[in-house]
Amino acid sequence: MSEDLQAELERLRAENERLRKSGGGKPAMKVSEKGALSVYGMGRFPVTLYKEQWLRLLSMADDIRSFIEANEQKLKSKE
């Protein structure tokens, strides 16, 4: 394995460990290499959306809450 590839692997392992330990399960945010916002700690994989997508989703917060309330019996909880 080349030294550059080994160094990148070590960097990613260290970042992964830091994200695992940060906040004790509290979601963490990071700007991705492509300039999107990634939220870690919600599940196995990060939730990654571009700024406009996050703003659109956030503007729907009341609608999402209403939908969850209306469909409470059909929706499962992970926790």
PDB file of N, CA and C in Angstrom:
ATOM      1  N   MET A   1       0.848  -1.170   0.000  1.00  0.00           N
ATOM      2  CA  MET A   1       0.000   0.000   0.000  1.00  0.00           C
ATOM      3  C   MET A   1       0.900   1.241   0.000  1.00  0.00           C
ATOM      4  N   SER A   2       0.581   2.229  -0.814  1.00  0.00           N
ATOM      5  CA  SER A   2       1.426   3.422  -0.882  1.00  0.00           C
ATOM      6  C   SER A   2       1.333   4.216   0.419  1.00  0.00           C
ATOM      7  N   GLU A   3       2.340   5.030   0.662  1.00  0.00           N
ATOM      8  CA  GLU A   3       2.361   5.823   1.887  1.00  0.00           C
ATOM      9  C   GLU A   3       1.194   6.802   1.929  1.00  0.00           C
ATOM     10  N   ASP A   4       0.842   7.404   0.777  1.00  0.00           N
ATOM     11  CA  ASP A   4      -0.283   8.346   0.728  1.00  0.00           C
ATOM     12  C   ASP A   4      -1.588   7.649   1.079  1.00  0.00           C
ATOM     13  N   LEU A   5      -1.777   6.473   0.542  1.00  0.00           N
ATOM     14  CA  LEU A   5      -2.998   5.723   0.807  1.00  0.00           C
ATOM     15  C   LEU A   5      -3.055   5.287   2.268  1.00  0.00           C
ATOM     16  N   GLN A   6      -1.922   4.862   2.813  1.00  0.00           N
ATOM     17  CA  GLN A   6      -1.854   4.470   4.219  1.00  0.00           C
ATOM     18  C   GLN A   6      -2.140   5.666   5.125  1.00  0.00           C
ATOM     19  N   ALA A   7      -1.594   6.827   4.782  1.00  0.00           N
ATOM     20  CA  ALA A   7      -1.821   8.034   5.583  1.00  0.00           C
ATOM     21  C   ALA A   7      -3.292   8.429   5.536  1.00  0.00           C
ATOM     22  N   GLU A   8      -3.919   8.350   4.379  1.00  0.00           N
ATOM     23  CA  GLU A   8      -5.343   8.673   4.246  1.00  0.00           C
ATOM     24  C   GLU A   8      -6.196   7.702   5.055  1.00  0.00           C
ATOM     25  N   LEU A   9      -5.848   6.425   5.015  1.00  0.00           N
ATOM     26  CA  LEU A   9      -6.572   5.415   5.790  1.00  0.00           C
ATOM     27  C   LEU A   9      -6.473   5.715   7.282  1.00  0.00           C
ATOM     28  N   GLU A  10      -5.298   6.063   7.758  1.00  0.00           N
ATOM     29  CA  GLU A  10      -5.111   6.398   9.169  1.00  0.00           C
ATOM     30  C   GLU A  10      -5.894   7.654   9.548  1.00  0.00           C
ATOM     31  N   ARG A  11      -5.910   8.654   8.659  1.00  0.00           N
ATOM     32  CA  ARG A  11      -6.656   9.879   8.912  1.00  0.00           C
ATOM     33  C   ARG A  11      -8.144   9.579   9.038  1.00  0.00           C
ATOM     34  N   LEU A  12      -8.660   8.743   8.133  1.00  0.00           N
ATOM     35  CA  LEU A  12     -10.081   8.389   8.157  1.00  0.00           C
ATOM     36  C   LEU A  12     -10.434   7.572   9.395  1.00  0.00           C
ATOM     37  N   ARG A  13      -9.547   6.676   9.794  1.00  0.00           N
ATOM     38  CA  ARG A  13      -9.788   5.899  11.012  1.00  0.00           C
ATOM     39  C   ARG A  13      -9.842   6.811  12.234  1.00  0.00           C
ATOM     40  N   ALA A  14      -8.922   7.767  12.297  1.00  0.00           N
ATOM     41  CA  ALA A  14      -8.893   8.696  13.426  1.00  0.00           C
ATOM     42  C   ALA A  14     -10.146   9.569  13.437  1.00  0.00           C
ATOM     43  N   GLU A  15     -10.570  10.031  12.272  1.00  0.00           N
ATOM     44  CA  GLU A  15     -11.786  10.850  12.181  1.00  0.00           C
ATOM     45  C   GLU A  15     -13.013  10.038  12.572  1.00  0.00           C
ATOM     46  N   ASN A  16     -13.059   8.793  12.121  1.00  0.00           N
ATOM     47  CA  ASN A  16     -14.167   7.910  12.463  1.00  0.00           C
ATOM     48  C   ASN A  16     -14.243   7.705  13.976  1.00  0.00           C
ATOM     49  N   GLU A  17     -13.115   7.484  14.598  1.00  0.00           N
ATOM     50  CA  GLU A  17     -13.074   7.290  16.046  1.00  0.00           C
ATOM     51  C   GLU A  17     -13.491   8.567  16.774  1.00  0.00           C
ATOM     52  N   ARG A  18     -13.028   9.717  16.283  1.00  0.00           N
ATOM     53  CA  ARG A  18     -13.398  10.996  16.892  1.00  0.00           C
ATOM     54  C   ARG A  18     -14.905  11.211  16.797  1.00  0.00           C
ATOM     55  N   LEU A  19     -15.486  10.914  15.634  1.00  0.00           N
ATOM     56  CA  LEU A  19     -16.933  11.084  15.458  1.00  0.00           C
ATOM     57  C   LEU A  19     -17.715  10.125  16.346  1.00  0.00           C
ATOM     58  N   ARG A  20     -17.203   8.914  16.539  1.00  0.00           N
ATOM     59  CA  ARG A  20     -17.860   7.942  17.408  1.00  0.00           C
ATOM     60  C   ARG A  20     -17.894   8.419  18.853  1.00  0.00           C
ATOM     61  N   LYS A  21     -16.802   9.034  19.278  1.00  0.00           N
ATOM     62  CA  LYS A  21     -16.680   9.449  20.668  1.00  0.00           C
ATOM     63  C   LYS A  21     -17.308  10.809  20.942  1.00  0.00           C
ATOM     64  N   SER A  22     -17.459  11.640  19.923  1.00  0.00           N
ATOM     65  CA  SER A  22     -17.943  13.003  20.150  1.00  0.00           C
ATOM     66  C   SER A  22     -19.397  13.022  20.587  1.00  0.00           C
ATOM     67  N   GLY A  23     -19.634  13.625  21.719  1.00  0.00           N
ATOM     68  CA  GLY A  23     -20.981  13.857  22.187  1.00  0.00           C
ATOM     69  C   GLY A  23     -21.722  12.659  22.726  1.00  0.00           C
ATOM     70  N   GLY A  24     -21.115  11.508  22.805  1.00  0.00           N
ATOM     71  CA  GLY A  24     -21.782  10.329  23.347  1.00  0.00           C
ATOM     72  C   GLY A  24     -23.088  10.008  22.647  1.00  0.00           C
ATOM     73  N   GLY A  25     -23.074   9.959  21.327  1.00  0.00           N
ATOM     74  CA  GLY A  25     -24.281   9.652  20.577  1.00  0.00           C
ATOM     75  C   GLY A  25     -25.019  10.895  20.108  1.00  0.00           C
ATOM     76  N   LYS A  26     -24.563  12.051  20.539  1.00  0.00           N
ATOM     77  CA  LYS A  26     -25.162  13.303  20.097  1.00  0.00           C
ATOM     78  C   LYS A  26     -24.805  13.514  18.626  1.00  0.00           C
ATOM     79  N   PRO A  27     -25.784  13.873  17.802  1.00  0.00           N
ATOM     80  CA  PRO A  27     -25.477  14.101  16.387  1.00  0.00           C
ATOM     81  C   PRO A  27     -24.386  15.154  16.199  1.00  0.00           C
ATOM     82  N   ALA A  28     -23.527  14.911  15.223  1.00  0.00           N
ATOM     83  CA  ALA A  28     -22.445  15.830  14.890  1.00  0.00           C
ATOM     84  C   ALA A  28     -22.580  16.231  13.429  1.00  0.00           C
ATOM     85  N   MET A  29     -22.107  17.426  13.106  1.00  0.00           N
ATOM     86  CA  MET A  29     -22.197  17.916  11.729  1.00  0.00           C
ATOM     87  C   MET A  29     -20.814  18.151  11.154  1.00  0.00           C
ATOM     88  N   LYS A  30     -20.739  18.002   9.831  1.00  0.00           N
ATOM     89  CA  LYS A  30     -19.477  18.183   9.125  1.00  0.00           C
ATOM     90  C   LYS A  30     -19.788  18.594   7.695  1.00  0.00           C
ATOM     91  N   VAL A  31     -18.936  19.423   7.116  1.00  0.00           N
ATOM     92  CA  VAL A  31     -19.062  19.765   5.708  1.00  0.00           C
ATOM     93  C   VAL A  31     -18.315  18.693   4.921  1.00  0.00           C
ATOM     94  N   SER A  32     -19.006  18.073   3.972  1.00  0.00           N
ATOM     95  CA  SER A  32     -18.396  17.004   3.182  1.00  0.00           C
ATOM     96  C   SER A  32     -17.405  17.580   2.182  1.00  0.00           C
ATOM     97  N   GLU A  33     -16.644  16.702   1.552  1.00  0.00           N
ATOM     98  CA  GLU A  33     -15.671  17.125   0.542  1.00  0.00           C
ATOM     99  C   GLU A  33     -16.339  17.841  -0.622  1.00  0.00           C
ATOM    100  N   LYS A  34     -17.595  17.516  -0.899  1.00  0.00           N
ATOM    101  CA  LYS A  34     -18.324  18.136  -2.010  1.00  0.00           C
ATOM    102  C   LYS A  34     -19.109  19.362  -1.581  1.00  0.00           C
ATOM    103  N   GLY A  35     -18.975  19.773  -0.310  1.00  0.00           N
ATOM    104  CA  GLY A  35     -19.621  20.981   0.161  1.00  0.00           C
ATOM    105  C   GLY A  35     -21.030  20.795   0.672  1.00  0.00           C
ATOM    106  N   ALA A  36     -21.409  19.574   0.984  1.00  0.00           N
ATOM    107  CA  ALA A  36     -22.731  19.303   1.539  1.00  0.00           C
ATOM    108  C   ALA A  36     -22.616  19.208   3.058  1.00  0.00           C
ATOM    109  N   LEU A  37     -23.745  19.266   3.741  1.00  0.00           N
ATOM    110  CA  LEU A  37     -23.776  19.132   5.191  1.00  0.00           C
ATOM    111  C   LEU A  37     -24.121  17.691   5.544  1.00  0.00           C
ATOM    112  N   SER A  38     -23.228  17.042   6.280  1.00  0.00           N
ATOM    113  CA  SER A  38     -23.447  15.671   6.736  1.00  0.00           C
ATOM    114  C   SER A  38     -23.733  15.690   8.223  1.00  0.00           C
ATOM    115  N   VAL A  39     -24.804  14.996   8.619  1.00  0.00           N
ATOM    116  CA  VAL A  39     -25.149  14.865  10.038  1.00  0.00           C
ATOM    117  C   VAL A  39     -24.880  13.416  10.424  1.00  0.00           C
ATOM    118  N   TYR A  40     -23.998  13.245  11.401  1.00  0.00           N
ATOM    119  CA  TYR A  40     -23.609  11.928  11.888  1.00  0.00           C
ATOM    120  C   TYR A  40     -24.335  11.646  13.196  1.00  0.00           C
ATOM    121  N   GLY A  41     -24.580  10.377  13.475  1.00  0.00           N
ATOM    122  CA  GLY A  41     -25.169   9.989  14.741  1.00  0.00           C
ATOM    123  C   GLY A  41     -26.654   9.694  14.661  1.00  0.00           C
ATOM    124  N   MET A  42     -27.233   9.751  13.479  1.00  0.00           N
ATOM    125  CA  MET A  42     -28.654   9.466  13.318  1.00  0.00           C
ATOM    126  C   MET A  42     -28.892   7.985  13.018  1.00  0.00           C
ATOM    127  N   GLY A  43     -27.893   7.341  12.495  1.00  0.00           N
ATOM    128  CA  GLY A  43     -27.985   5.938  12.121  1.00  0.00           C
ATOM    129  C   GLY A  43     -26.610   5.452  11.730  1.00  0.00           C
ATOM    130  N   ARG A  44     -26.578   4.365  11.005  1.00  0.00           N
ATOM    131  CA  ARG A  44     -25.294   3.784  10.610  1.00  0.00           C
ATOM    132  C   ARG A  44     -24.512   4.696   9.667  1.00  0.00           C
ATOM    133  N   PHE A  45     -25.232   5.377   8.786  1.00  0.00           N
ATOM    134  CA  PHE A  45     -24.595   6.257   7.805  1.00  0.00           C
ATOM    135  C   PHE A  45     -25.003   7.698   8.063  1.00  0.00           C
ATOM    136  N   PRO A  46     -24.175   8.652   7.643  1.00  0.00           N
ATOM    137  CA  PRO A  46     -24.560  10.053   7.823  1.00  0.00           C
ATOM    138  C   PRO A  46     -25.707  10.433   6.887  1.00  0.00           C
ATOM    139  N   VAL A  47     -26.457  11.442   7.290  1.00  0.00           N
ATOM    140  CA  VAL A  47     -27.486  12.023   6.433  1.00  0.00           C
ATOM    141  C   VAL A  47     -26.819  13.231   5.785  1.00  0.00           C
ATOM    142  N   THR A  48     -26.662  13.198   4.460  1.00  0.00           N
ATOM    143  CA  THR A  48     -25.937  14.241   3.758  1.00  0.00           C
ATOM    144  C   THR A  48     -26.830  14.890   2.711  1.00  0.00           C
ATOM    145  N   LEU A  49     -27.005  16.198   2.851  1.00  0.00           N
ATOM    146  CA  LEU A  49     -27.792  16.973   1.901  1.00  0.00           C
ATOM    147  C   LEU A  49     -27.070  18.292   1.648  1.00  0.00           C
ATOM    148  N   TYR A  50     -27.338  18.896   0.491  1.00  0.00           N
ATOM    149  CA  TYR A  50     -26.793  20.212   0.205  1.00  0.00           C
ATOM    150  C   TYR A  50     -27.611  21.268   0.942  1.00  0.00           C
ATOM    151  N   LYS A  51     -27.024  22.448   1.100  1.00  0.00           N
ATOM    152  CA  LYS A  51     -27.626  23.536   1.872  1.00  0.00           C
ATOM    153  C   LYS A  51     -29.087  23.783   1.494  1.00  0.00           C
ATOM    154  N   GLU A  52     -29.374  23.874   0.206  1.00  0.00           N
ATOM    155  CA  GLU A  52     -30.737  24.145  -0.236  1.00  0.00           C
ATOM    156  C   GLU A  52     -31.694  23.030   0.177  1.00  0.00           C
ATOM    157  N   GLN A  53     -31.208  21.794   0.151  1.00  0.00           N
ATOM    158  CA  GLN A  53     -32.036  20.662   0.545  1.00  0.00           C
ATOM    159  C   GLN A  53     -32.338  20.715   2.040  1.00  0.00           C
ATOM    160  N   TRP A  54     -31.325  21.043   2.862  1.00  0.00           N
ATOM    161  CA  TRP A  54     -31.552  21.165   4.302  1.00  0.00           C
ATOM    162  C   TRP A  54     -32.553  22.270   4.592  1.00  0.00           C
ATOM    163  N   LEU A  55     -32.400  23.425   3.932  1.00  0.00           N
ATOM    164  CA  LEU A  55     -33.304  24.541   4.177  1.00  0.00           C
ATOM    165  C   LEU A  55     -34.734  24.193   3.770  1.00  0.00           C
ATOM    166  N   ARG A  56     -34.874  23.486   2.668  1.00  0.00           N
ATOM    167  CA  ARG A  56     -36.200  23.052   2.221  1.00  0.00           C
ATOM    168  C   ARG A  56     -36.814  22.085   3.239  1.00  0.00           C
ATOM    169  N   LEU A  57     -36.007  21.139   3.715  1.00  0.00           N
ATOM    170  CA  LEU A  57     -36.482  20.177   4.706  1.00  0.00           C
ATOM    171  C   LEU A  57     -36.849  20.873   6.014  1.00  0.00           C
ATOM    172  N   LEU A  58     -36.009  21.809   6.454  1.00  0.00           N
ATOM    173  CA  LEU A  58     -36.288  22.536   7.688  1.00  0.00           C
ATOM    174  C   LEU A  58     -37.568  23.372   7.575  1.00  0.00           C
ATOM    175  N   SER A  59     -37.844  23.881   6.391  1.00  0.00           N
ATOM    176  CA  SER A  59     -39.066  24.667   6.212  1.00  0.00           C
ATOM    177  C   SER A  59     -40.314  23.791   6.299  1.00  0.00           C
ATOM    178  N   MET A  60     -40.131  22.493   6.178  1.00  0.00           N
ATOM    179  CA  MET A  60     -41.237  21.534   6.256  1.00  0.00           C
ATOM    180  C   MET A  60     -41.399  20.955   7.663  1.00  0.00           C
ATOM    181  N   ALA A  61     -40.694  21.475   8.655  1.00  0.00           N
ATOM    182  CA  ALA A  61     -40.675  20.881   9.996  1.00  0.00           C
ATOM    183  C   ALA A  61     -42.078  20.688  10.574  1.00  0.00           C
ATOM    184  N   ASP A  62     -42.941  21.687  10.466  1.00  0.00           N
ATOM    185  CA  ASP A  62     -44.298  21.556  11.011  1.00  0.00           C
ATOM    186  C   ASP A  62     -45.084  20.478  10.280  1.00  0.00           C
ATOM    187  N   ASP A  63     -44.918  20.414   8.951  1.00  0.00           N
ATOM    188  CA  ASP A  63     -45.605  19.379   8.166  1.00  0.00           C
ATOM    189  C   ASP A  63     -45.118  17.988   8.545  1.00  0.00           C
ATOM    190  N   ILE A  64     -43.826  17.853   8.775  1.00  0.00           N
ATOM    191  CA  ILE A  64     -43.260  16.554   9.163  1.00  0.00           C
ATOM    192  C   ILE A  64     -43.798  16.137  10.523  1.00  0.00           C
ATOM    193  N   ARG A  65     -43.835  17.071  11.470  1.00  0.00           N
ATOM    194  CA  ARG A  65     -44.376  16.760  12.805  1.00  0.00           C
ATOM    195  C   ARG A  65     -45.841  16.332  12.711  1.00  0.00           C
ATOM    196  N   SER A  66     -46.623  17.042  11.910  1.00  0.00           N
ATOM    197  CA  SER A  66     -48.041  16.704  11.732  1.00  0.00           C
ATOM    198  C   SER A  66     -48.197  15.320  11.108  1.00  0.00           C
ATOM    199  N   PHE A  67     -47.366  15.024  10.121  1.00  0.00           N
ATOM    200  CA  PHE A  67     -47.412  13.717   9.464  1.00  0.00           C
ATOM    201  C   PHE A  67     -47.090  12.609  10.453  1.00  0.00           C
ATOM    202  N   ILE A  68     -46.075  12.832  11.288  1.00  0.00           N
ATOM    203  CA  ILE A  68     -45.693  11.835  12.296  1.00  0.00           C
ATOM    204  C   ILE A  68     -46.851  11.614  13.273  1.00  0.00           C
ATOM    205  N   GLU A  69     -47.460  12.691  13.728  1.00  0.00           N
ATOM    206  CA  GLU A  69     -48.591  12.560  14.652  1.00  0.00           C
ATOM    207  C   GLU A  69     -49.755  11.812  14.003  1.00  0.00           C
ATOM    208  N   ALA A  70     -50.042  12.122  12.744  1.00  0.00           N
ATOM    209  CA  ALA A  70     -51.161  11.491  12.046  1.00  0.00           C
ATOM    210  C   ALA A  70     -50.904  10.020  11.756  1.00  0.00           C
ATOM    211  N   ASN A  71     -49.642   9.631  11.686  1.00  0.00           N
ATOM    212  CA  ASN A  71     -49.282   8.255  11.335  1.00  0.00           C
ATOM    213  C   ASN A  71     -48.561   7.535  12.466  1.00  0.00           C
ATOM    214  N   GLU A  72     -48.756   8.015  13.673  1.00  0.00           N
ATOM    215  CA  GLU A  72     -48.068   7.476  14.854  1.00  0.00           C
ATOM    216  C   GLU A  72     -48.175   5.960  14.957  1.00  0.00           C
ATOM    217  N   GLN A  73     -49.358   5.400  14.708  1.00  0.00           N
ATOM    218  CA  GLN A  73     -49.575   3.960  14.854  1.00  0.00           C
ATOM    219  C   GLN A  73     -48.832   3.139  13.796  1.00  0.00           C
ATOM    220  N   LYS A  74     -48.579   3.720  12.648  1.00  0.00           N
ATOM    221  CA  LYS A  74     -47.899   2.991  11.557  1.00  0.00           C
ATOM    222  C   LYS A  74     -46.375   3.106  11.652  1.00  0.00           C
ATOM    223  N   LEU A  75     -45.883   4.137  12.307  1.00  0.00           N
ATOM    224  CA  LEU A  75     -44.446   4.405  12.351  1.00  0.00           C
ATOM    225  C   LEU A  75     -43.791   3.643  13.495  1.00  0.00           C
ATOM    226  N   LYS A  76     -42.588   3.164  13.240  1.00  0.00           N
ATOM    227  CA  LYS A  76     -41.823   2.438  14.256  1.00  0.00           C
ATOM    228  C   LYS A  76     -40.797   3.377  14.870  1.00  0.00           C
ATOM    229  N   SER A  77     -40.431   3.086  16.107  1.00  0.00           N
ATOM    230  CA  SER A  77     -39.376   3.826  16.797  1.00  0.00           C
ATOM    231  C   SER A  77     -38.158   2.937  16.914  1.00  0.00           C
ATOM    232  N   LYS A  78     -37.004   3.510  16.668  1.00  0.00           N
ATOM    233  CA  LYS A  78     -35.782   2.734  16.738  1.00  0.00           C
ATOM    234  C   LYS A  78     -35.240   2.656  18.163  1.00  0.00           C
ATOM    235  N   GLU A  79     -35.522   3.663  18.975  1.00  0.00           N
ATOM    236  CA  GLU A  79     -34.950   3.712  20.324  1.00  0.00           C
ATOM    237  C   GLU A  79     -35.787   3.017  21.329  1.00  0.00           C
TER     238      GLU A  79
END
